[in-house]
Each structure stands twice: as C-alpha cells, then as structure tokens.
Amino acid sequence: MSGGSPFLGETREETFVNISAVNYHFSERYFEHVSPYAKDFIGRLFVRDQRKRATVDECLRHPWTRGLFSQEDFKQFVVYD
C-alpha cells in the first residue's frame, strides 16, 4: 500500500519482535496517502488471536474493499460452498 512496513523497527531484530508481537504503526512518512479505510482494513487483519481477526465475509463487506471492487469482480476470486 505504501512501500513501508508498519512493523519497521530501528533494527532488524526490533522489526522481527514487532511482527511477532503484532506491534505496528502507520507512520506518516509511509502512510500519509493511505486512506483511513485502508488502515482500518489492515488493522482488522493484524490481530494475533485468529478468533478476533476479521473473517473473509467481514473483509469482503469492509468499506475499503467495497470501494475497490464490484460484486462481479469478487465472484472471480471467491469460492462458494
């Protein structure tokens, strides 16, 4: 989205710790042009406890994804039971 990592630390080790702890930050340097909807969408995926993470259905209904794709576009990528 921005070219920068929201997990970026001062060192490689700090970055790995941030990833493991799901400690992220949308710094203005890299994310100033990323919409609040996009940041919210990513934040719903960056959740350590998978039971609290956004489901596929929630992702497909999120305002950010709804603004990017039509329902017809989604049908190409979604497998229905």
PDB file of N, CA and C in Angstrom:
ATOM      1  N   MET A   1       0.806  -1.199   0.000  1.00  0.00           N
ATOM      2  CA  MET A   1       0.000   0.000   0.000  1.00  0.00           C
ATOM      3  C   MET A   1       0.847   1.259   0.000  1.00  0.00           C
ATOM      4  N   SER A   2       1.958   1.190   0.731  1.00  0.00           N
ATOM      5  CA  SER A   2       2.730   2.418   0.901  1.00  0.00           C
ATOM      6  C   SER A   2       4.203   2.262   0.561  1.00  0.00           C
ATOM      7  N   GLY A   3       4.683   1.047   0.528  1.00  0.00           N
ATOM      8  CA  GLY A   3       6.105   0.819   0.321  1.00  0.00           C
ATOM      9  C   GLY A   3       6.888   0.728   1.612  1.00  0.00           C
ATOM     10  N   GLY A   4       6.245   0.992   2.740  1.00  0.00           N
ATOM     11  CA  GLY A   4       6.890   0.905   4.042  1.00  0.00           C
ATOM     12  C   GLY A   4       6.210  -0.127   4.911  1.00  0.00           C
ATOM     13  N   SER A   5       6.960  -0.702   5.820  1.00  0.00           N
ATOM     14  CA  SER A   5       6.404  -1.708   6.721  1.00  0.00           C
ATOM     15  C   SER A   5       5.849  -1.061   7.981  1.00  0.00           C
ATOM     16  N   PRO A   6       4.617  -1.390   8.356  1.00  0.00           N
ATOM     17  CA  PRO A   6       4.085  -0.864   9.613  1.00  0.00           C
ATOM     18  C   PRO A   6       4.745  -1.514  10.834  1.00  0.00           C
ATOM     19  N   PHE A   7       5.553  -2.556  10.607  1.00  0.00           N
ATOM     20  CA  PHE A   7       6.258  -3.244  11.693  1.00  0.00           C
ATOM     21  C   PHE A   7       7.703  -2.784  11.837  1.00  0.00           C
ATOM     22  N   LEU A   8       8.125  -1.860  10.995  1.00  0.00           N
ATOM     23  CA  LEU A   8       9.526  -1.466  10.930  1.00  0.00           C
ATOM     24  C   LEU A   8      10.045  -0.965  12.270  1.00  0.00           C
ATOM     25  N   GLY A   9      11.180  -1.529  12.680  1.00  0.00           N
ATOM     26  CA  GLY A   9      11.853  -1.096  13.896  1.00  0.00           C
ATOM     27  C   GLY A   9      13.175  -0.434  13.553  1.00  0.00           C
ATOM     28  N   GLU A  10      13.895  -0.027  14.575  1.00  0.00           N
ATOM     29  CA  GLU A  10      15.203   0.603  14.375  1.00  0.00           C
ATOM     30  C   GLU A  10      16.233  -0.413  13.883  1.00  0.00           C
ATOM     31  N   THR A  11      16.041  -1.673  14.251  1.00  0.00           N
ATOM     32  CA  THR A  11      16.951  -2.744  13.842  1.00  0.00           C
ATOM     33  C   THR A  11      16.133  -3.888  13.262  1.00  0.00           C
ATOM     34  N   ARG A  12      16.845  -4.812  12.628  1.00  0.00           N
ATOM     35  CA  ARG A  12      16.178  -5.997  12.083  1.00  0.00           C
ATOM     36  C   ARG A  12      15.510  -6.804  13.206  1.00  0.00           C
ATOM     37  N   GLU A  13      16.212  -6.937  14.314  1.00  0.00           N
ATOM     38  CA  GLU A  13      15.674  -7.683  15.451  1.00  0.00           C
ATOM     39  C   GLU A  13      14.403  -7.030  15.992  1.00  0.00           C
ATOM     40  N   GLU A  14      14.420  -5.708  16.101  1.00  0.00           N
ATOM     41  CA  GLU A  14      13.237  -4.995  16.587  1.00  0.00           C
ATOM     42  C   GLU A  14      12.065  -5.178  15.625  1.00  0.00           C
ATOM     43  N   THR A  15      12.349  -5.189  14.341  1.00  0.00           N
ATOM     44  CA  THR A  15      11.296  -5.429  13.354  1.00  0.00           C
ATOM     45  C   THR A  15      10.697  -6.813  13.550  1.00  0.00           C
ATOM     46  N   PHE A  16      11.539  -7.837  13.749  1.00  0.00           N
ATOM     47  CA  PHE A  16      11.039  -9.192  13.978  1.00  0.00           C
ATOM     48  C   PHE A  16      10.204  -9.279  15.252  1.00  0.00           C
ATOM     49  N   VAL A  17      10.636  -8.587  16.294  1.00  0.00           N
ATOM     50  CA  VAL A  17       9.857  -8.560  17.539  1.00  0.00           C
ATOM     51  C   VAL A  17       8.512  -7.893  17.290  1.00  0.00           C
ATOM     52  N   ASN A  18       8.498  -6.807  16.561  1.00  0.00           N
ATOM     53  CA  ASN A  18       7.241  -6.118  16.244  1.00  0.00           C
ATOM     54  C   ASN A  18       6.290  -7.028  15.475  1.00  0.00           C
ATOM     55  N   ILE A  19       6.828  -7.775  14.511  1.00  0.00           N
ATOM     56  CA  ILE A  19       5.991  -8.699  13.748  1.00  0.00           C
ATOM     57  C   ILE A  19       5.424  -9.768  14.672  1.00  0.00           C
ATOM     58  N   SER A  20       6.275 -10.371  15.491  1.00  0.00           N
ATOM     59  CA  SER A  20       5.837 -11.438  16.401  1.00  0.00           C
ATOM     60  C   SER A  20       4.794 -10.961  17.397  1.00  0.00           C
ATOM     61  N   ALA A  21       4.939  -9.738  17.852  1.00  0.00           N
ATOM     62  CA  ALA A  21       4.016  -9.180  18.846  1.00  0.00           C
ATOM     63  C   ALA A  21       2.831  -8.468  18.201  1.00  0.00           C
ATOM     64  N   VAL A  22       2.792  -8.427  16.890  1.00  0.00           N
ATOM     65  CA  VAL A  22       1.777  -7.692  16.129  1.00  0.00           C
ATOM     66  C   VAL A  22       1.732  -6.237  16.619  1.00  0.00           C
ATOM     67  N   ASN A  23       2.912  -5.678  16.762  1.00  0.00           N
ATOM     68  CA  ASN A  23       3.070  -4.285  17.176  1.00  0.00           C
ATOM     69  C   ASN A  23       3.364  -3.467  15.919  1.00  0.00           C
ATOM     70  N   TYR A  24       2.382  -2.713  15.468  1.00  0.00           N
ATOM     71  CA  TYR A  24       2.544  -1.976  14.219  1.00  0.00           C
ATOM     72  C   TYR A  24       2.114  -0.528  14.387  1.00  0.00           C
ATOM     73  N   HIS A  25       2.605   0.279  13.456  1.00  0.00           N
ATOM     74  CA  HIS A  25       2.300   1.710  13.474  1.00  0.00           C
ATOM     75  C   HIS A  25       2.291   2.211  12.033  1.00  0.00           C
ATOM     76  N   PHE A  26       1.267   2.942  11.669  1.00  0.00           N
ATOM     77  CA  PHE A  26       1.176   3.521  10.332  1.00  0.00           C
ATOM     78  C   PHE A  26       1.823   4.905  10.357  1.00  0.00           C
ATOM     79  N   SER A  27       3.141   4.931  10.183  1.00  0.00           N
ATOM     80  CA  SER A  27       3.857   6.209  10.265  1.00  0.00           C
ATOM     81  C   SER A  27       3.446   7.130   9.120  1.00  0.00           C
ATOM     82  N   GLU A  28       3.416   8.402   9.415  1.00  0.00           N
ATOM     83  CA  GLU A  28       3.045   9.401   8.409  1.00  0.00           C
ATOM     84  C   GLU A  28       3.997   9.368   7.217  1.00  0.00           C
ATOM     85  N   ARG A  29       5.252   9.058   7.494  1.00  0.00           N
ATOM     86  CA  ARG A  29       6.250   9.036   6.416  1.00  0.00           C
ATOM     87  C   ARG A  29       5.819   8.115   5.278  1.00  0.00           C
ATOM     88  N   TYR A  30       5.281   6.956   5.613  1.00  0.00           N
ATOM     89  CA  TYR A  30       4.906   5.979   4.592  1.00  0.00           C
ATOM     90  C   TYR A  30       3.409   5.904   4.330  1.00  0.00           C
ATOM     91  N   PHE A  31       2.612   6.296   5.287  1.00  0.00           N
ATOM     92  CA  PHE A  31       1.175   6.046   5.177  1.00  0.00           C
ATOM     93  C   PHE A  31       0.315   7.302   5.096  1.00  0.00           C
ATOM     94  N   GLU A  32       0.929   8.451   4.848  1.00  0.00           N
ATOM     95  CA  GLU A  32       0.142   9.682   4.815  1.00  0.00           C
ATOM     96  C   GLU A  32      -0.897   9.694   3.696  1.00  0.00           C
ATOM     97  N   HIS A  33      -0.651   8.967   2.617  1.00  0.00           N
ATOM     98  CA  HIS A  33      -1.591   8.959   1.492  1.00  0.00           C
ATOM     99  C   HIS A  33      -2.467   7.708   1.466  1.00  0.00           C
ATOM    100  N   VAL A  34      -2.382   6.911   2.513  1.00  0.00           N
ATOM    101  CA  VAL A  34      -3.213   5.709   2.613  1.00  0.00           C
ATOM    102  C   VAL A  34      -4.489   6.094   3.353  1.00  0.00           C
ATOM    103  N   SER A  35      -5.619   5.704   2.807  1.00  0.00           N
ATOM    104  CA  SER A  35      -6.903   6.117   3.378  1.00  0.00           C
ATOM    105  C   SER A  35      -7.134   5.507   4.758  1.00  0.00           C
ATOM    106  N   PRO A  36      -7.925   6.183   5.586  1.00  0.00           N
ATOM    107  CA  PRO A  36      -8.293   5.614   6.887  1.00  0.00           C
ATOM    108  C   PRO A  36      -8.992   4.262   6.740  1.00  0.00           C
ATOM    109  N   TYR A  37      -9.805   4.100   5.692  1.00  0.00           N
ATOM    110  CA  TYR A  37     -10.465   2.808   5.463  1.00  0.00           C
ATOM    111  C   TYR A  37      -9.438   1.707   5.216  1.00  0.00           C
ATOM    112  N   ALA A  38      -8.408   2.002   4.435  1.00  0.00           N
ATOM    113  CA  ALA A  38      -7.371   1.006   4.150  1.00  0.00           C
ATOM    114  C   ALA A  38      -6.621   0.635   5.427  1.00  0.00           C
ATOM    115  N   LYS A  39      -6.288   1.630   6.239  1.00  0.00           N
ATOM    116  CA  LYS A  39      -5.593   1.358   7.501  1.00  0.00           C
ATOM    117  C   LYS A  39      -6.475   0.551   8.447  1.00  0.00           C
ATOM    118  N   ASP A  40      -7.751   0.863   8.488  1.00  0.00           N
ATOM    119  CA  ASP A  40      -8.681   0.109   9.324  1.00  0.00           C
ATOM    120  C   ASP A  40      -8.768  -1.343   8.855  1.00  0.00           C
ATOM    121  N   PHE A  41      -8.836  -1.545   7.545  1.00  0.00           N
ATOM    122  CA  PHE A  41      -8.899  -2.891   6.975  1.00  0.00           C
ATOM    123  C   PHE A  41      -7.671  -3.705   7.392  1.00  0.00           C
ATOM    124  N   ILE A  42      -6.493  -3.135   7.214  1.00  0.00           N
ATOM    125  CA  ILE A  42      -5.261  -3.830   7.576  1.00  0.00           C
ATOM    126  C   ILE A  42      -5.222  -4.097   9.079  1.00  0.00           C
ATOM    127  N   GLY A  43      -5.651  -3.124   9.869  1.00  0.00           N
ATOM    128  CA  GLY A  43      -5.680  -3.310  11.318  1.00  0.00           C
ATOM    129  C   GLY A  43      -6.578  -4.456  11.755  1.00  0.00           C
ATOM    130  N   ARG A  44      -7.625  -4.727  11.000  1.00  0.00           N
ATOM    131  CA  ARG A  44      -8.519  -5.845  11.318  1.00  0.00           C
ATOM    132  C   ARG A  44      -7.900  -7.195  10.958  1.00  0.00           C
ATOM    133  N   LEU A  45      -6.872  -7.173  10.118  1.00  0.00           N
ATOM    134  CA  LEU A  45      -6.156  -8.403   9.767  1.00  0.00           C
ATOM    135  C   LEU A  45      -4.948  -8.634  10.669  1.00  0.00           C
ATOM    136  N   PHE A  46      -4.350  -7.553  11.154  1.00  0.00           N
ATOM    137  CA  PHE A  46      -3.180  -7.656  12.027  1.00  0.00           C
ATOM    138  C   PHE A  46      -3.633  -7.896  13.465  1.00  0.00           C
ATOM    139  N   VAL A  47      -4.251  -9.021  13.698  1.00  0.00           N
ATOM    140  CA  VAL A  47      -4.748  -9.387  15.024  1.00  0.00           C
ATOM    141  C   VAL A  47      -4.168 -10.755  15.364  1.00  0.00           C
ATOM    142  N   ARG A  48      -3.452 -10.836  16.459  1.00  0.00           N
ATOM    143  CA  ARG A  48      -2.771 -12.079  16.848  1.00  0.00           C
ATOM    144  C   ARG A  48      -3.747 -13.230  17.055  1.00  0.00           C
ATOM    145  N   ASP A  49      -4.817 -12.993  17.785  1.00  0.00           N
ATOM    146  CA  ASP A  49      -5.817 -14.028  18.069  1.00  0.00           C
ATOM    147  C   ASP A  49      -6.703 -14.196  16.837  1.00  0.00           C
ATOM    148  N   GLN A  50      -6.548 -15.317  16.159  1.00  0.00           N
ATOM    149  CA  GLN A  50      -7.282 -15.510  14.903  1.00  0.00           C
ATOM    150  C   GLN A  50      -8.789 -15.506  15.089  1.00  0.00           C
ATOM    151  N   ARG A  51      -9.266 -15.806  16.293  1.00  0.00           N
ATOM    152  CA  ARG A  51     -10.715 -15.771  16.544  1.00  0.00           C
ATOM    153  C   ARG A  51     -11.246 -14.344  16.528  1.00  0.00           C
ATOM    154  N   LYS A  52     -10.380 -13.377  16.771  1.00  0.00           N
ATOM    155  CA  LYS A  52     -10.782 -11.968  16.779  1.00  0.00           C
ATOM    156  C   LYS A  52     -10.461 -11.265  15.459  1.00  0.00           C
ATOM    157  N   ARG A  53      -9.733 -11.951  14.592  1.00  0.00           N
ATOM    158  CA  ARG A  53      -9.349 -11.401  13.293  1.00  0.00           C
ATOM    159  C   ARG A  53     -10.574 -11.330  12.387  1.00  0.00           C
ATOM    160  N   ALA A  54     -10.581 -10.398  11.455  1.00  0.00           N
ATOM    161  CA  ALA A  54     -11.692 -10.260  10.507  1.00  0.00           C
ATOM    162  C   ALA A  54     -11.838 -11.540   9.688  1.00  0.00           C
ATOM    163  N   THR A  55     -13.078 -11.945   9.487  1.00  0.00           N
ATOM    164  CA  THR A  55     -13.354 -13.109   8.651  1.00  0.00           C
ATOM    165  C   THR A  55     -13.325 -12.696   7.184  1.00  0.00           C
ATOM    166  N   VAL A  56     -13.356 -13.692   6.311  1.00  0.00           N
ATOM    167  CA  VAL A  56     -13.399 -13.399   4.875  1.00  0.00           C
ATOM    168  C   VAL A  56     -14.636 -12.575   4.551  1.00  0.00           C
ATOM    169  N   ASP A  57     -15.784 -12.966   5.100  1.00  0.00           N
ATOM    170  CA  ASP A  57     -17.016 -12.217   4.836  1.00  0.00           C
ATOM    171  C   ASP A  57     -16.909 -10.774   5.319  1.00  0.00           C
ATOM    172  N   GLU A  58     -16.332 -10.584   6.501  1.00  0.00           N
ATOM    173  CA  GLU A  58     -16.157  -9.218   7.011  1.00  0.00           C
ATOM    174  C   GLU A  58     -15.220  -8.414   6.109  1.00  0.00           C
ATOM    175  N   CYS A  59     -14.182  -9.060   5.621  1.00  0.00           N
ATOM    176  CA  CYS A  59     -13.252  -8.379   4.703  1.00  0.00           C
ATOM    177  C   CYS A  59     -13.954  -7.978   3.413  1.00  0.00           C
ATOM    178  N   LEU A  60     -14.782  -8.863   2.901  1.00  0.00           N
ATOM    179  CA  LEU A  60     -15.481  -8.566   1.652  1.00  0.00           C
ATOM    180  C   LEU A  60     -16.517  -7.461   1.819  1.00  0.00           C
ATOM    181  N   ARG A  61     -17.009  -7.284   3.048  1.00  0.00           N
ATOM    182  CA  ARG A  61     -18.008  -6.239   3.308  1.00  0.00           C
ATOM    183  C   ARG A  61     -17.391  -4.941   3.820  1.00  0.00           C
ATOM    184  N   HIS A  62     -16.099  -4.946   4.051  1.00  0.00           N
ATOM    185  CA  HIS A  62     -15.438  -3.758   4.594  1.00  0.00           C
ATOM    186  C   HIS A  62     -15.548  -2.596   3.595  1.00  0.00           C
ATOM    187  N   PRO A  63     -15.756  -1.381   4.077  1.00  0.00           N
ATOM    188  CA  PRO A  63     -15.888  -0.220   3.178  1.00  0.00           C
ATOM    189  C   PRO A  63     -14.707  -0.041   2.222  1.00  0.00           C
ATOM    190  N   TRP A  64     -13.500  -0.387   2.657  1.00  0.00           N
ATOM    191  CA  TRP A  64     -12.348  -0.219   1.775  1.00  0.00           C
ATOM    192  C   TRP A  64     -12.423  -1.176   0.591  1.00  0.00           C
ATOM    193  N   THR A  65     -12.721  -2.448   0.830  1.00  0.00           N
ATOM    194  CA  THR A  65     -12.789  -3.398  -0.281  1.00  0.00           C
ATOM    195  C   THR A  65     -14.012  -3.151  -1.144  1.00  0.00           C
ATOM    196  N   ARG A  66     -15.091  -2.721  -0.550  1.00  0.00           N
ATOM    197  CA  ARG A  66     -16.296  -2.437  -1.340  1.00  0.00           C
ATOM    198  C   ARG A  66     -16.069  -1.271  -2.289  1.00  0.00           C
ATOM    199  N   GLY A  67     -15.200  -0.369  -1.915  1.00  0.00           N
ATOM    200  CA  GLY A  67     -14.893   0.759  -2.780  1.00  0.00           C
ATOM    201  C   GLY A  67     -13.923   0.423  -3.898  1.00  0.00           C
ATOM    202  N   LEU A  68     -13.237  -0.712  -3.770  1.00  0.00           N
ATOM    203  CA  LEU A  68     -12.243  -1.098  -4.770  1.00  0.00           C
ATOM    204  C   LEU A  68     -12.793  -2.003  -5.858  1.00  0.00           C
ATOM    205  N   PHE A  69     -13.713  -2.874  -5.475  1.00  0.00           N
ATOM    206  CA  PHE A  69     -14.171  -3.912  -6.392  1.00  0.00           C
ATOM    207  C   PHE A  69     -15.688  -3.969  -6.440  1.00  0.00           C
ATOM    208  N   SER A  70     -16.201  -4.347  -7.587  1.00  0.00           N
ATOM    209  CA  SER A  70     -17.638  -4.597  -7.699  1.00  0.00           C
ATOM    210  C   SER A  70     -17.915  -6.034  -7.255  1.00  0.00           C
ATOM    211  N   GLN A  71     -19.167  -6.345  -7.022  1.00  0.00           N
ATOM    212  CA  GLN A  71     -19.539  -7.714  -6.660  1.00  0.00           C
ATOM    213  C   GLN A  71     -19.130  -8.688  -7.764  1.00  0.00           C
ATOM    214  N   GLU A  72     -19.217  -8.271  -9.006  1.00  0.00           N
ATOM    215  CA  GLU A  72     -18.813  -9.139 -10.124  1.00  0.00           C
ATOM    216  C   GLU A  72     -17.315  -9.438 -10.070  1.00  0.00           C
ATOM    217  N   ASP A  73     -16.526  -8.439  -9.693  1.00  0.00           N
ATOM    218  CA  ASP A  73     -15.083  -8.661  -9.566  1.00  0.00           C
ATOM    219  C   ASP A  73     -14.795  -9.723  -8.513  1.00  0.00           C
ATOM    220  N   PHE A  74     -15.504  -9.644  -7.379  1.00  0.00           N
ATOM    221  CA  PHE A  74     -15.279 -10.594  -6.299  1.00  0.00           C
ATOM    222  C   PHE A  74     -15.609 -12.019  -6.717  1.00  0.00           C
ATOM    223  N   LYS A  75     -16.587 -12.187  -7.559  1.00  0.00           N
ATOM    224  CA  LYS A  75     -17.002 -13.534  -7.963  1.00  0.00           C
ATOM    225  C   LYS A  75     -15.873 -14.290  -8.657  1.00  0.00           C
ATOM    226  N   GLN A  76     -14.927 -13.572  -9.229  1.00  0.00           N
ATOM    227  CA  GLN A  76     -13.788 -14.218  -9.877  1.00  0.00           C
ATOM    228  C   GLN A  76     -12.831 -14.840  -8.864  1.00  0.00           C
ATOM    229  N   PHE A  77     -12.805 -14.304  -7.649  1.00  0.00           N
ATOM    230  CA  PHE A  77     -11.802 -14.703  -6.673  1.00  0.00           C
ATOM    231  C   PHE A  77     -12.340 -15.507  -5.500  1.00  0.00           C
ATOM    232  N   VAL A  78     -13.630 -15.535  -5.304  1.00  0.00           N
ATOM    233  CA  VAL A  78     -14.216 -16.168  -4.131  1.00  0.00           C
ATOM    234  C   VAL A  78     -14.802 -17.516  -4.515  1.00  0.00           C
ATOM    235  N   VAL A  79     -14.477 -18.526  -3.719  1.00  0.00           N
ATOM    236  CA  VAL A  79     -15.027 -19.863  -3.924  1.00  0.00           C
ATOM    237  C   VAL A  79     -16.175 -20.037  -2.945  1.00  0.00           C
ATOM    238  N   TYR A  80     -17.334 -20.373  -3.464  1.00  0.00           N
ATOM    239  CA  TYR A  80     -18.510 -20.556  -2.629  1.00  0.00           C
ATOM    240  C   TYR A  80     -18.778 -22.038  -2.446  1.00  0.00           C
ATOM    241  N   ASP A  81     -19.230 -22.405  -1.259  1.00  0.00           N
ATOM    242  CA  ASP A  81     -19.619 -23.802  -0.996  1.00  0.00           C
ATOM    243  C   ASP A  81     -20.992 -24.074  -1.529  1.00  0.00           C
TER     244      ASP A  81
END
